[in-house]
Structure formats: C-alpha cells, structure tokens
Protein backbone atom coordinates (compact mmCIF):
# COMPACT_ATOMS: atom_id res chain seq x y z
CA MET A 1 101.99 82.99 84.58
CA PHE A 2 98.48 84.36 84.47
CA GLN A 3 96.69 84.58 81.20
CA ASP A 4 95.58 88.09 80.28
CA ASN A 5 91.86 87.31 80.55
CA ASN A 6 92.22 85.80 84.02
CA LEU A 7 94.25 88.76 85.18
CA ILE A 8 91.72 91.25 83.82
CA ASN A 9 88.83 89.34 85.38
CA ASP A 10 90.63 89.25 88.72
CA PHE A 11 91.28 92.99 88.48
CA HIS A 12 87.62 93.76 87.71
CA SER A 13 86.46 91.62 90.63
CA LEU A 14 88.30 93.93 93.05
CA SER A 15 86.70 96.92 94.73
CA PRO A 16 87.46 100.34 93.18
CA ASP A 17 89.83 101.12 96.08
CA LYS A 18 91.79 97.90 95.51
CA GLN A 19 91.86 98.53 91.76
CA ALA A 20 93.41 101.95 92.46
CA GLU A 21 96.05 100.27 94.68
CA VAL A 22 96.93 97.84 91.88
CA ILE A 23 97.26 100.70 89.38
CA ASP A 24 99.45 102.68 91.80
CA PHE A 25 101.62 99.62 92.38
CA ILE A 26 102.07 99.05 88.65
CA GLN A 27 103.01 102.71 88.13
CA ARG A 28 105.61 102.53 90.93
CA LEU A 29 107.09 99.37 89.40
CA LYS A 30 107.32 101.06 86.00
CA GLN A 31 109.01 104.12 87.50
CA ARG A 32 111.50 101.94 89.36
CA GLN A 33 112.21 99.95 86.20
CA ASN A 34 112.90 103.15 84.23
CA ALA A 35 115.05 104.74 86.96
CA PRO A 36 118.79 104.67 86.42
CA ASN A 37 120.52 101.92 88.35
CA ARG A 38 123.14 103.85 90.32
CA LYS A 39 125.80 102.42 92.55
CA TRP A 40 125.68 103.37 96.22
CA LYS A 41 129.21 104.82 96.07
CA GLU A 42 128.06 107.33 93.44
CA ILE A 43 125.45 108.88 95.72
CA ALA A 44 126.65 108.16 99.27
CA GLY A 45 126.91 111.31 101.35
CA SER A 46 125.42 113.55 98.68
CA VAL A 47 122.05 114.12 100.34
CA VAL A 48 121.59 116.72 103.04
CA SER A 49 119.97 115.29 106.13
CA PRO A 50 116.87 117.23 107.14
CA LEU A 51 117.74 116.53 110.78
CA MET A 52 121.27 117.90 110.58
CA GLY A 53 121.00 120.56 107.88
CA GLU A 54 124.39 119.61 106.44
CA ASP A 55 125.90 116.79 104.44
CA ALA A 56 126.83 113.61 106.27
CA GLN A 57 130.61 113.95 105.90
CA ASN A 58 130.62 117.44 107.45
CA TRP A 59 128.45 116.17 110.29
CA VAL A 60 130.79 113.25 111.00
CA SER A 61 133.84 115.53 110.90
CA ARG A 62 132.19 118.00 113.28
CA GLN A 63 131.20 115.20 115.66
CA ARG A 64 134.77 113.90 115.72
CA GLN A 65 136.17 117.38 116.39
CA GLU A 66 133.71 117.91 119.22
CA ALA A 67 134.57 114.51 120.71
CA ASP A 68 138.30 115.38 120.66
CA ARG A 69 137.82 118.64 122.63
CA PRO A 70 138.70 118.47 126.30
CA ILE A 71 135.74 118.49 128.65
CA PRO A 72 135.74 121.63 130.81
CA HIS A 73 135.87 120.93 134.54
CA THR A 74 133.19 122.48 136.66
CA SER A 75 133.93 122.72 140.38
C-alpha cells in the first residue's frame, strides 16, 4: 500500500487535467460505495426503455402477441 506522502507527491506530479481525472474517479468510487447494494431481481424490468417507450415486460408480451398473429397473404 502506498504511504500517504508518496501518494500525495504522485498526485501533485500529475498535470492539472490528470489530477481532475483522479478526483472524479475518487468521487465516483465514493458514490458507488455509498449506493445501496440492490439485487438484480428487485429492479429487473422496472426501467422504461427509451427505445421502446414502455417497460420491458409489456414489450416482450406485445412482441409475443404479434409473433402469434397469422401473417396475411398477399396475392
């Protein structure tokens, strides 16, 4: 593990842009660490897809219904 002084020196040796990246990365890690750890089954299907405009289960059901319809014959 790095010692604090070495880590700080390494940070200060970076360019300002790279320092900003490190800070952003640390903030993302902290947010992820504080986020509730939810199980996939708790949230699956609960988000509306921007491509479909409806929830996933409704989309799947509609697709199945459409697939079961007979194809009209054109002659």
